[in-house]
Amino acid sequence: MYAVIRTGGKQYRVAPGDVLKIESVSADQQTVEFADVLAFSGDNGIAKPSSAKVTAEIVGHGRGEKVLVFHLKRKKQYKKLQGHRQNFTEVRIKSIEADGVTYDAKK
């Protein structure tokens, strides 16, 4: 049982109990709800649910690996090196609710 959600401009395939890193989410509470569910695999295959939501708890915040961006113009004595680290939020999927049926993580 899994669902495909969209958050931060990206799509993720999630199942109850999964831990994943998403774009930084500013949430005061420790739980986050994702209402943009694109697909859902249930008993009768993969379908787009009429009403679905995914509930997750925030595990932590952090910064990703450094990505170096290097610009060079040949024969012009121009070089520029720039680094970037993207912020992320690590979440654990607690439950998936689709069409009135709730699927929880196995303890």
PDB file of N, CA and C in Angstrom:
ATOM      1  N   MET A   1       0.848  -1.169   0.000  1.00  0.00           N
ATOM      2  CA  MET A   1       0.000   0.000   0.000  1.00  0.00           C
ATOM      3  C   MET A   1       0.891   1.228   0.000  1.00  0.00           C
ATOM      4  N   TYR A   2       0.737   2.075  -1.001  1.00  0.00           N
ATOM      5  CA  TYR A   2       1.525   3.292  -1.070  1.00  0.00           C
ATOM      6  C   TYR A   2       0.705   4.387  -1.723  1.00  0.00           C
ATOM      7  N   ALA A   3       1.227   5.612  -1.632  1.00  0.00           N
ATOM      8  CA  ALA A   3       0.596   6.769  -2.259  1.00  0.00           C
ATOM      9  C   ALA A   3       1.683   7.625  -2.895  1.00  0.00           C
ATOM     10  N   VAL A   4       1.302   8.402  -3.881  1.00  0.00           N
ATOM     11  CA  VAL A   4       2.206   9.352  -4.526  1.00  0.00           C
ATOM     12  C   VAL A   4       1.728  10.744  -4.147  1.00  0.00           C
ATOM     13  N   ILE A   5       2.606  11.509  -3.468  1.00  0.00           N
ATOM     14  CA  ILE A   5       2.237  12.857  -3.028  1.00  0.00           C
ATOM     15  C   ILE A   5       3.118  13.876  -3.734  1.00  0.00           C
ATOM     16  N   ARG A   6       2.642  15.128  -3.750  1.00  0.00           N
ATOM     17  CA  ARG A   6       3.419  16.225  -4.324  1.00  0.00           C
ATOM     18  C   ARG A   6       3.630  17.275  -3.244  1.00  0.00           C
ATOM     19  N   THR A   7       4.901  17.622  -3.013  1.00  0.00           N
ATOM     20  CA  THR A   7       5.246  18.673  -2.064  1.00  0.00           C
ATOM     21  C   THR A   7       6.570  19.296  -2.484  1.00  0.00           C
ATOM     22  N   GLY A   8       6.659  20.595  -2.402  1.00  0.00           N
ATOM     23  CA  GLY A   8       7.892  21.286  -2.742  1.00  0.00           C
ATOM     24  C   GLY A   8       8.265  21.185  -4.207  1.00  0.00           C
ATOM     25  N   GLY A   9       7.289  20.987  -5.084  1.00  0.00           N
ATOM     26  CA  GLY A   9       7.570  20.892  -6.511  1.00  0.00           C
ATOM     27  C   GLY A   9       8.084  19.532  -6.947  1.00  0.00           C
ATOM     28  N   LYS A  10       8.087  18.555  -6.049  1.00  0.00           N
ATOM     29  CA  LYS A  10       8.555  17.210  -6.375  1.00  0.00           C
ATOM     30  C   LYS A  10       7.483  16.191  -5.997  1.00  0.00           C
ATOM     31  N   GLN A  11       7.583  15.008  -6.585  1.00  0.00           N
ATOM     32  CA  GLN A  11       6.651  13.934  -6.282  1.00  0.00           C
ATOM     33  C   GLN A  11       7.393  12.828  -5.545  1.00  0.00           C
ATOM     34  N   TYR A  12       6.738  12.247  -4.540  1.00  0.00           N
ATOM     35  CA  TYR A  12       7.339  11.209  -3.724  1.00  0.00           C
ATOM     36  C   TYR A  12       6.383  10.024  -3.624  1.00  0.00           C
ATOM     37  N   ARG A  13       6.931   8.820  -3.700  1.00  0.00           N
ATOM     38  CA  ARG A  13       6.163   7.593  -3.468  1.00  0.00           C
ATOM     39  C   ARG A  13       6.377   7.217  -2.006  1.00  0.00           C
ATOM     40  N   VAL A  14       5.302   7.223  -1.213  1.00  0.00           N
ATOM     41  CA  VAL A  14       5.419   7.010   0.228  1.00  0.00           C
ATOM     42  C   VAL A  14       4.522   5.863   0.669  1.00  0.00           C
ATOM     43  N   ALA A  15       4.961   5.197   1.721  1.00  0.00           N
ATOM     44  CA  ALA A  15       4.182   4.144   2.377  1.00  0.00           C
ATOM     45  C   ALA A  15       4.240   4.410   3.874  1.00  0.00           C
ATOM     46  N   PRO A  16       3.293   3.903   4.637  1.00  0.00           N
ATOM     47  CA  PRO A  16       3.332   4.121   6.086  1.00  0.00           C
ATOM     48  C   PRO A  16       4.618   3.572   6.697  1.00  0.00           C
ATOM     49  N   GLY A  17       5.286   4.403   7.500  1.00  0.00           N
ATOM     50  CA  GLY A  17       6.543   4.019   8.130  1.00  0.00           C
ATOM     51  C   GLY A  17       7.768   4.525   7.405  1.00  0.00           C
ATOM     52  N   ASP A  18       7.638   5.035   6.183  1.00  0.00           N
ATOM     53  CA  ASP A  18       8.790   5.541   5.430  1.00  0.00           C
ATOM     54  C   ASP A  18       9.325   6.824   6.046  1.00  0.00           C
ATOM     55  N   VAL A  19      10.637   7.028   5.929  1.00  0.00           N
ATOM     56  CA  VAL A  19      11.285   8.270   6.344  1.00  0.00           C
ATOM     57  C   VAL A  19      11.897   8.886   5.098  1.00  0.00           C
ATOM     58  N   LEU A  20      11.568  10.146   4.811  1.00  0.00           N
ATOM     59  CA  LEU A  20      12.100  10.783   3.624  1.00  0.00           C
ATOM     60  C   LEU A  20      12.438  12.234   3.895  1.00  0.00           C
ATOM     61  N   LYS A  21      13.306  12.776   3.037  1.00  0.00           N
ATOM     62  CA  LYS A  21      13.721  14.177   3.135  1.00  0.00           C
ATOM     63  C   LYS A  21      12.987  14.960   2.069  1.00  0.00           C
ATOM     64  N   ILE A  22      12.263  16.004   2.519  1.00  0.00           N
ATOM     65  CA  ILE A  22      11.506  16.842   1.602  1.00  0.00           C
ATOM     66  C   ILE A  22      12.021  18.270   1.706  1.00  0.00           C
ATOM     67  N   GLU A  23      11.514  19.129   0.840  1.00  0.00           N
ATOM     68  CA  GLU A  23      11.847  20.549   0.920  1.00  0.00           C
ATOM     69  C   GLU A  23      11.473  21.073   2.299  1.00  0.00           C
ATOM     70  N   SER A  24      12.164  22.074   2.748  1.00  0.00           N
ATOM     71  CA  SER A  24      11.981  22.600   4.089  1.00  0.00           C
ATOM     72  C   SER A  24      10.536  23.046   4.313  1.00  0.00           C
ATOM     73  N   VAL A  25       9.939  22.553   5.405  1.00  0.00           N
ATOM     74  CA  VAL A  25       8.563  22.874   5.768  1.00  0.00           C
ATOM     75  C   VAL A  25       8.591  23.596   7.098  1.00  0.00           C
ATOM     76  N   SER A  26       7.948  24.749   7.163  1.00  0.00           N
ATOM     77  CA  SER A  26       7.891  25.476   8.435  1.00  0.00           C
ATOM     78  C   SER A  26       6.588  25.100   9.132  1.00  0.00           C
ATOM     79  N   ALA A  27       6.705  24.246  10.111  1.00  0.00           N
ATOM     80  CA  ALA A  27       5.530  23.807  10.862  1.00  0.00           C
ATOM     81  C   ALA A  27       5.818  23.959  12.348  1.00  0.00           C
ATOM     82  N   ASP A  28       4.886  24.582  13.053  1.00  0.00           N
ATOM     83  CA  ASP A  28       5.033  24.733  14.489  1.00  0.00           C
ATOM     84  C   ASP A  28       4.716  23.418  15.200  1.00  0.00           C
ATOM     85  N   GLN A  29       3.775  22.657  14.653  1.00  0.00           N
ATOM     86  CA  GLN A  29       3.439  21.374  15.239  1.00  0.00           C
ATOM     87  C   GLN A  29       4.440  20.321  14.762  1.00  0.00           C
ATOM     88  N   GLN A  30       4.336  19.148  15.333  1.00  0.00           N
ATOM     89  CA  GLN A  30       5.215  18.045  14.954  1.00  0.00           C
ATOM     90  C   GLN A  30       4.600  17.177  13.870  1.00  0.00           C
ATOM     91  N   THR A  31       3.377  17.493  13.416  1.00  0.00           N
ATOM     92  CA  THR A  31       2.751  16.717  12.351  1.00  0.00           C
ATOM     93  C   THR A  31       2.489  17.602  11.145  1.00  0.00           C
ATOM     94  N   VAL A  32       2.555  16.989   9.973  1.00  0.00           N
ATOM     95  CA  VAL A  32       2.324  17.679   8.707  1.00  0.00           C
ATOM     96  C   VAL A  32       1.335  16.850   7.911  1.00  0.00           C
ATOM     97  N   GLU A  33       0.373  17.513   7.253  1.00  0.00           N
ATOM     98  CA  GLU A  33      -0.589  16.826   6.392  1.00  0.00           C
ATOM     99  C   GLU A  33      -0.319  17.205   4.950  1.00  0.00           C
ATOM    100  N   PHE A  34      -0.302  16.201   4.082  1.00  0.00           N
ATOM    101  CA  PHE A  34      -0.155  16.416   2.649  1.00  0.00           C
ATOM    102  C   PHE A  34      -1.495  16.073   2.003  1.00  0.00           C
ATOM    103  N   ALA A  35      -2.157  17.083   1.469  1.00  0.00           N
ATOM    104  CA  ALA A  35      -3.471  16.880   0.865  1.00  0.00           C
ATOM    105  C   ALA A  35      -3.385  16.661  -0.642  1.00  0.00           C
ATOM    106  N   ASP A  36      -2.230  16.941  -1.234  1.00  0.00           N
ATOM    107  CA  ASP A  36      -2.071  16.793  -2.679  1.00  0.00           C
ATOM    108  C   ASP A  36      -1.594  15.369  -2.998  1.00  0.00           C
ATOM    109  N   VAL A  37      -2.545  14.427  -3.008  1.00  0.00           N
ATOM    110  CA  VAL A  37      -2.254  13.021  -3.290  1.00  0.00           C
ATOM    111  C   VAL A  37      -2.592  12.763  -4.751  1.00  0.00           C
ATOM    112  N   LEU A  38      -1.590  12.343  -5.526  1.00  0.00           N
ATOM    113  CA  LEU A  38      -1.772  12.152  -6.962  1.00  0.00           C
ATOM    114  C   LEU A  38      -2.265  10.755  -7.309  1.00  0.00           C
ATOM    115  N   ALA A  39      -1.793   9.741  -6.601  1.00  0.00           N
ATOM    116  CA  ALA A  39      -2.196   8.364  -6.884  1.00  0.00           C
ATOM    117  C   ALA A  39      -2.178   7.578  -5.585  1.00  0.00           C
ATOM    118  N   PHE A  40      -2.870   6.434  -5.627  1.00  0.00           N
ATOM    119  CA  PHE A  40      -3.012   5.614  -4.436  1.00  0.00           C
ATOM    120  C   PHE A  40      -3.144   4.161  -4.879  1.00  0.00           C
ATOM    121  N   SER A  41      -2.374   3.272  -4.260  1.00  0.00           N
ATOM    122  CA  SER A  41      -2.500   1.854  -4.588  1.00  0.00           C
ATOM    123  C   SER A  41      -3.303   1.180  -3.490  1.00  0.00           C
ATOM    124  N   GLY A  42      -4.440   0.698  -3.846  1.00  0.00           N
ATOM    125  CA  GLY A  42      -5.312   0.060  -2.871  1.00  0.00           C
ATOM    126  C   GLY A  42      -5.517  -1.402  -3.213  1.00  0.00           C
ATOM    127  N   ASP A  43      -6.689  -1.922  -2.827  1.00  0.00           N
ATOM    128  CA  ASP A  43      -6.991  -3.327  -3.066  1.00  0.00           C
ATOM    129  C   ASP A  43      -7.207  -3.631  -4.547  1.00  0.00           C
ATOM    130  N   ASN A  44      -7.754  -2.679  -5.286  1.00  0.00           N
ATOM    131  CA  ASN A  44      -8.048  -2.932  -6.697  1.00  0.00           C
ATOM    132  C   ASN A  44      -7.139  -2.132  -7.626  1.00  0.00           C
ATOM    133  N   GLY A  45      -5.842  -2.049  -7.330  1.00  0.00           N
ATOM    134  CA  GLY A  45      -4.877  -1.426  -8.228  1.00  0.00           C
ATOM    135  C   GLY A  45      -4.613   0.029  -7.899  1.00  0.00           C
ATOM    136  N   ILE A  46      -3.982   0.695  -8.855  1.00  0.00           N
ATOM    137  CA  ILE A  46      -3.600   2.095  -8.683  1.00  0.00           C
ATOM    138  C   ILE A  46      -4.699   2.983  -9.246  1.00  0.00           C
ATOM    139  N   ALA A  47      -5.100   3.989  -8.456  1.00  0.00           N
ATOM    140  CA  ALA A  47      -6.167   4.890  -8.882  1.00  0.00           C
ATOM    141  C   ALA A  47      -5.945   6.261  -8.273  1.00  0.00           C
ATOM    142  N   LYS A  48      -6.646   7.247  -8.804  1.00  0.00           N
ATOM    143  CA  LYS A  48      -6.623   8.590  -8.222  1.00  0.00           C
ATOM    144  C   LYS A  48      -7.781   8.674  -7.242  1.00  0.00           C
ATOM    145  N   PRO A  49      -7.492   8.878  -5.957  1.00  0.00           N
ATOM    146  CA  PRO A  49      -8.572   8.908  -4.968  1.00  0.00           C
ATOM    147  C   PRO A  49      -9.365  10.199  -5.044  1.00  0.00           C
ATOM    148  N   SER A  50     -10.644  10.102  -4.671  1.00  0.00           N
ATOM    149  CA  SER A  50     -11.476  11.305  -4.677  1.00  0.00           C
ATOM    150  C   SER A  50     -11.139  12.193  -3.488  1.00  0.00           C
ATOM    151  N   SER A  51     -10.863  11.601  -2.345  1.00  0.00           N
ATOM    152  CA  SER A  51     -10.435  12.362  -1.179  1.00  0.00           C
ATOM    153  C   SER A  51      -9.363  11.562  -0.459  1.00  0.00           C
ATOM    154  N   ALA A  52      -8.200  12.171  -0.286  1.00  0.00           N
ATOM    155  CA  ALA A  52      -7.099  11.463   0.369  1.00  0.00           C
ATOM    156  C   ALA A  52      -6.186  12.473   1.037  1.00  0.00           C
ATOM    157  N   LYS A  53      -5.491  12.005   2.085  1.00  0.00           N
ATOM    158  CA  LYS A  53      -4.474  12.822   2.732  1.00  0.00           C
ATOM    159  C   LYS A  53      -3.451  11.900   3.369  1.00  0.00           C
ATOM    160  N   VAL A  54      -2.240  12.408   3.486  1.00  0.00           N
ATOM    161  CA  VAL A  54      -1.141  11.667   4.081  1.00  0.00           C
ATOM    162  C   VAL A  54      -0.683  12.456   5.299  1.00  0.00           C
ATOM    163  N   THR A  55      -0.564  11.788   6.438  1.00  0.00           N
ATOM    164  CA  THR A  55      -0.133  12.423   7.678  1.00  0.00           C
ATOM    165  C   THR A  55       1.277  11.960   8.008  1.00  0.00           C
ATOM    166  N   ALA A  56       2.137  12.921   8.368  1.00  0.00           N
ATOM    167  CA  ALA A  56       3.522  12.603   8.687  1.00  0.00           C
ATOM    168  C   ALA A  56       3.942  13.382   9.924  1.00  0.00           C
ATOM    169  N   GLU A  57       4.943  12.852  10.633  1.00  0.00           N
ATOM    170  CA  GLU A  57       5.505  13.554  11.774  1.00  0.00           C
ATOM    171  C   GLU A  57       6.908  14.025  11.413  1.00  0.00           C
ATOM    172  N   ILE A  58       7.286  15.191  11.908  1.00  0.00           N
ATOM    173  CA  ILE A  58       8.592  15.769  11.615  1.00  0.00           C
ATOM    174  C   ILE A  58       9.635  15.109  12.512  1.00  0.00           C
ATOM    175  N   VAL A  59      10.670  14.556  11.882  1.00  0.00           N
ATOM    176  CA  VAL A  59      11.754  13.917  12.620  1.00  0.00           C
ATOM    177  C   VAL A  59      12.850  14.934  12.915  1.00  0.00           C
ATOM    178  N   GLY A  60      13.170  15.789  11.930  1.00  0.00           N
ATOM    179  CA  GLY A  60      14.206  16.789  12.141  1.00  0.00           C
ATOM    180  C   GLY A  60      14.389  17.673  10.925  1.00  0.00           C
ATOM    181  N   HIS A  61      15.230  18.672  11.091  1.00  0.00           N
ATOM    182  CA  HIS A  61      15.572  19.597  10.020  1.00  0.00           C
ATOM    183  C   HIS A  61      17.074  19.504   9.788  1.00  0.00           C
ATOM    184  N   GLY A  62      17.503  19.863   8.598  1.00  0.00           N
ATOM    185  CA  GLY A  62      18.932  19.812   8.318  1.00  0.00           C
ATOM    186  C   GLY A  62      19.272  20.486   7.002  1.00  0.00           C
ATOM    187  N   ARG A  63      20.518  20.299   6.595  1.00  0.00           N
ATOM    188  CA  ARG A  63      20.988  20.858   5.334  1.00  0.00           C
ATOM    189  C   ARG A  63      21.659  19.744   4.548  1.00  0.00           C
ATOM    190  N   GLY A  64      21.449  19.756   3.245  1.00  0.00           N
ATOM    191  CA  GLY A  64      21.976  18.711   2.384  1.00  0.00           C
ATOM    192  C   GLY A  64      23.453  18.879   2.104  1.00  0.00           C
ATOM    193  N   GLU A  65      23.960  18.014   1.229  1.00  0.00           N
ATOM    194  CA  GLU A  65      25.356  18.068   0.825  1.00  0.00           C
ATOM    195  C   GLU A  65      25.627  19.331   0.022  1.00  0.00           C
ATOM    196  N   LYS A  66      26.865  19.786   0.067  1.00  0.00           N
ATOM    197  CA  LYS A  66      27.236  20.990  -0.674  1.00  0.00           C
ATOM    198  C   LYS A  66      27.343  20.674  -2.156  1.00  0.00           C
ATOM    199  N   VAL A  67      26.747  21.546  -2.974  1.00  0.00           N
ATOM    200  CA  VAL A  67      26.821  21.462  -4.424  1.00  0.00           C
ATOM    201  C   VAL A  67      27.664  22.636  -4.894  1.00  0.00           C
ATOM    202  N   LEU A  68      28.715  22.355  -5.650  1.00  0.00           N
ATOM    203  CA  LEU A  68      29.587  23.413  -6.151  1.00  0.00           C
ATOM    204  C   LEU A  68      29.165  23.807  -7.554  1.00  0.00           C
ATOM    205  N   VAL A  69      29.057  25.117  -7.785  1.00  0.00           N
ATOM    206  CA  VAL A  69      28.708  25.666  -9.091  1.00  0.00           C
ATOM    207  C   VAL A  69      29.929  26.430  -9.582  1.00  0.00           C
ATOM    208  N   PHE A  70      30.457  26.020 -10.716  1.00  0.00           N
ATOM    209  CA  PHE A  70      31.699  26.605 -11.230  1.00  0.00           C
ATOM    210  C   PHE A  70      31.436  27.198 -12.599  1.00  0.00           C
ATOM    211  N   HIS A  71      31.731  28.503 -12.750  1.00  0.00           N
ATOM    212  CA  HIS A  71      31.591  29.196 -14.023  1.00  0.00           C
ATOM    213  C   HIS A  71      32.980  29.530 -14.543  1.00  0.00           C
ATOM    214  N   LEU A  72      33.176  29.341 -15.843  1.00  0.00           N
ATOM    215  CA  LEU A  72      34.476  29.611 -16.460  1.00  0.00           C
ATOM    216  C   LEU A  72      34.252  30.150 -17.855  1.00  0.00           C
ATOM    217  N   LYS A  73      34.925  31.257 -18.156  1.00  0.00           N
ATOM    218  CA  LYS A  73      34.955  31.772 -19.526  1.00  0.00           C
ATOM    219  C   LYS A  73      36.389  31.645 -20.018  1.00  0.00           C
ATOM    220  N   ARG A  74      36.566  30.800 -20.993  1.00  0.00           N
ATOM    221  CA  ARG A  74      37.910  30.528 -21.490  1.00  0.00           C
ATOM    222  C   ARG A  74      38.537  31.778 -22.093  1.00  0.00           C
ATOM    223  N   LYS A  75      39.808  31.893 -21.930  1.00  0.00           N
ATOM    224  CA  LYS A  75      40.637  32.950 -22.534  1.00  0.00           C
ATOM    225  C   LYS A  75      40.265  34.354 -22.056  1.00  0.00           C
ATOM    226  N   LYS A  76      39.412  34.480 -21.055  1.00  0.00           N
ATOM    227  CA  LYS A  76      38.987  35.797 -20.568  1.00  0.00           C
ATOM    228  C   LYS A  76      39.407  36.021 -19.122  1.00  0.00           C
ATOM    229  N   GLN A  77      40.090  35.058 -18.502  1.00  0.00           N
ATOM    230  CA  GLN A  77      40.538  35.165 -17.112  1.00  0.00           C
ATOM    231  C   GLN A  77      39.362  35.358 -16.148  1.00  0.00           C
ATOM    232  N   TYR A  78      38.268  34.631 -16.416  1.00  0.00           N
ATOM    233  CA  TYR A  78      37.076  34.746 -15.575  1.00  0.00           C
ATOM    234  C   TYR A  78      36.755  33.372 -14.998  1.00  0.00           C
ATOM    235  N   LYS A  79      36.754  33.287 -13.669  1.00  0.00           N
ATOM    236  CA  LYS A  79      36.356  32.075 -12.964  1.00  0.00           C
ATOM    237  C   LYS A  79      35.526  32.479 -11.753  1.00  0.00           C
ATOM    238  N   LYS A  80      34.493  31.709 -11.480  1.00  0.00           N
ATOM    239  CA  LYS A  80      33.667  31.971 -10.304  1.00  0.00           C
ATOM    240  C   LYS A  80      33.249  30.628  -9.715  1.00  0.00           C
ATOM    241  N   LEU A  81      33.465  30.444  -8.418  1.00  0.00           N
ATOM    242  CA  LEU A  81      33.091  29.231  -7.720  1.00  0.00           C
ATOM    243  C   LEU A  81      32.094  29.596  -6.626  1.00  0.00           C
ATOM    244  N   GLN A  82      30.979  28.904  -6.628  1.00  0.00           N
ATOM    245  CA  GLN A  82      29.929  29.196  -5.663  1.00  0.00           C
ATOM    246  C   GLN A  82      29.399  27.885  -5.103  1.00  0.00           C
ATOM    247  N   GLY A  83      29.127  27.841  -3.810  1.00  0.00           N
ATOM    248  CA  GLY A  83      28.592  26.644  -3.173  1.00  0.00           C
ATOM    249  C   GLY A  83      27.154  26.871  -2.730  1.00  0.00           C
ATOM    250  N   HIS A  84      26.410  25.763  -2.605  1.00  0.00           N
ATOM    251  CA  HIS A  84      25.009  25.852  -2.189  1.00  0.00           C
ATOM    252  C   HIS A  84      24.658  24.613  -1.377  1.00  0.00           C
ATOM    253  N   ARG A  85      23.950  24.800  -0.253  1.00  0.00           N
ATOM    254  CA  ARG A  85      23.418  23.704   0.547  1.00  0.00           C
ATOM    255  C   ARG A  85      21.928  23.931   0.737  1.00  0.00           C
ATOM    256  N   GLN A  86      21.122  22.970   0.309  1.00  0.00           N
ATOM    257  CA  GLN A  86      19.674  23.090   0.367  1.00  0.00           C
ATOM    258  C   GLN A  86      19.162  22.638   1.734  1.00  0.00           C
ATOM    259  N   ASN A  87      18.233  23.405   2.297  1.00  0.00           N
ATOM    260  CA  ASN A  87      17.595  23.013   3.553  1.00  0.00           C
ATOM    261  C   ASN A  87      16.585  21.898   3.293  1.00  0.00           C
ATOM    262  N   PHE A  88      16.416  20.998   4.263  1.00  0.00           N
ATOM    263  CA  PHE A  88      15.423  19.941   4.129  1.00  0.00           C
ATOM    264  C   PHE A  88      14.778  19.665   5.472  1.00  0.00           C
ATOM    265  N   THR A  89      13.633  19.003   5.415  1.00  0.00           N
ATOM    266  CA  THR A  89      12.928  18.526   6.592  1.00  0.00           C
ATOM    267  C   THR A  89      12.766  17.023   6.446  1.00  0.00           C
ATOM    268  N   GLU A  90      13.131  16.296   7.480  1.00  0.00           N
ATOM    269  CA  GLU A  90      13.001  14.842   7.452  1.00  0.00           C
ATOM    270  C   GLU A  90      11.698  14.465   8.139  1.00  0.00           C
ATOM    271  N   VAL A  91      10.850  13.704   7.439  1.00  0.00           N
ATOM    272  CA  VAL A  91       9.537  13.330   7.965  1.00  0.00           C
ATOM    273  C   VAL A  91       9.367  11.814   7.933  1.00  0.00           C
ATOM    274  N   ARG A  92       8.546  11.307   8.866  1.00  0.00           N
ATOM    275  CA  ARG A  92       8.179   9.890   8.906  1.00  0.00           C
ATOM    276  C   ARG A  92       6.683   9.800   8.632  1.00  0.00           C
ATOM    277  N   ILE A  93       6.297   9.006   7.654  1.00  0.00           N
ATOM    278  CA  ILE A  93       4.902   8.869   7.268  1.00  0.00           C
ATOM    279  C   ILE A  93       4.177   8.031   8.326  1.00  0.00           C
ATOM    280  N   LYS A  94       3.117   8.611   8.926  1.00  0.00           N
ATOM    281  CA  LYS A  94       2.367   7.909   9.962  1.00  0.00           C
ATOM    282  C   LYS A  94       1.191   7.145   9.368  1.00  0.00           C
ATOM    283  N   SER A  95       0.391   7.820   8.532  1.00  0.00           N
ATOM    284  CA  SER A  95      -0.792   7.138   8.003  1.00  0.00           C
ATOM    285  C   SER A  95      -1.176   7.727   6.649  1.00  0.00           C
ATOM    286  N   ILE A  96      -1.882   6.908   5.890  1.00  0.00           N
ATOM    287  CA  ILE A  96      -2.442   7.322   4.602  1.00  0.00           C
ATOM    288  C   ILE A  96      -3.940   7.072   4.682  1.00  0.00           C
ATOM    289  N   GLU A  97      -4.718   8.129   4.422  1.00  0.00           N
ATOM    290  CA  GLU A  97      -6.169   8.002   4.449  1.00  0.00           C
ATOM    291  C   GLU A  97      -6.694   8.292   3.051  1.00  0.00           C
ATOM    292  N   ALA A  98      -7.354   7.293   2.455  1.00  0.00           N
ATOM    293  CA  ALA A  98      -7.877   7.450   1.099  1.00  0.00           C
ATOM    294  C   ALA A  98      -9.278   6.869   1.025  1.00  0.00           C
ATOM    295  N   ASP A  99     -10.210   7.689   0.577  1.00  0.00           N
ATOM    296  CA  ASP A  99     -11.612   7.295   0.403  1.00  0.00           C
ATOM    297  C   ASP A  99     -12.216   6.691   1.673  1.00  0.00           C
ATOM    298  N   GLY A 100     -11.863   7.265   2.819  1.00  0.00           N
ATOM    299  CA  GLY A 100     -12.442   6.843   4.086  1.00  0.00           C
ATOM    300  C   GLY A 100     -11.736   5.674   4.764  1.00  0.00           C
ATOM    301  N   VAL A 101     -10.727   5.109   4.154  1.00  0.00           N
ATOM    302  CA  VAL A 101      -9.990   3.987   4.743  1.00  0.00           C
ATOM    303  C   VAL A 101      -8.621   4.488   5.166  1.00  0.00           C
ATOM    304  N   THR A 102      -8.212   4.160   6.403  1.00  0.00           N
ATOM    305  CA  THR A 102      -6.935   4.613   6.939  1.00  0.00           C
ATOM    306  C   THR A 102      -5.967   3.440   7.025  1.00  0.00           C
ATOM    307  N   TYR A 103      -4.755   3.668   6.521  1.00  0.00           N
ATOM    308  CA  TYR A 103      -3.672   2.686   6.591  1.00  0.00           C
ATOM    309  C   TYR A 103      -2.572   3.265   7.462  1.00  0.00           C
ATOM    310  N   ASP A 104      -2.258   2.588   8.564  1.00  0.00           N
ATOM    311  CA  ASP A 104      -1.243   3.051   9.516  1.00  0.00           C
ATOM    312  C   ASP A 104       0.033   2.250   9.346  1.00  0.00           C
ATOM    313  N   ALA A 105       1.125   2.810   9.912  1.00  0.00           N
ATOM    314  CA  ALA A 105       2.383   2.090   9.921  1.00  0.00           C
ATOM    315  C   ALA A 105       2.319   0.941  10.911  1.00  0.00           C
ATOM    316  N   LYS A 106       2.898  -0.175  10.536  1.00  0.00           N
ATOM    317  CA  LYS A 106       2.930  -1.313  11.444  1.00  0.00           C
ATOM    318  C   LYS A 106       3.939  -1.049  12.536  1.00  0.00           C
ATOM    319  N   LYS A 107       3.571  -1.293  13.760  1.00  0.00           N
ATOM    320  CA  LYS A 107       4.436  -1.008  14.904  1.00  0.00           C
ATOM    321  C   LYS A 107       5.501  -2.073  15.031  1.00  0.00           C
TER     322      LYS A 107
END
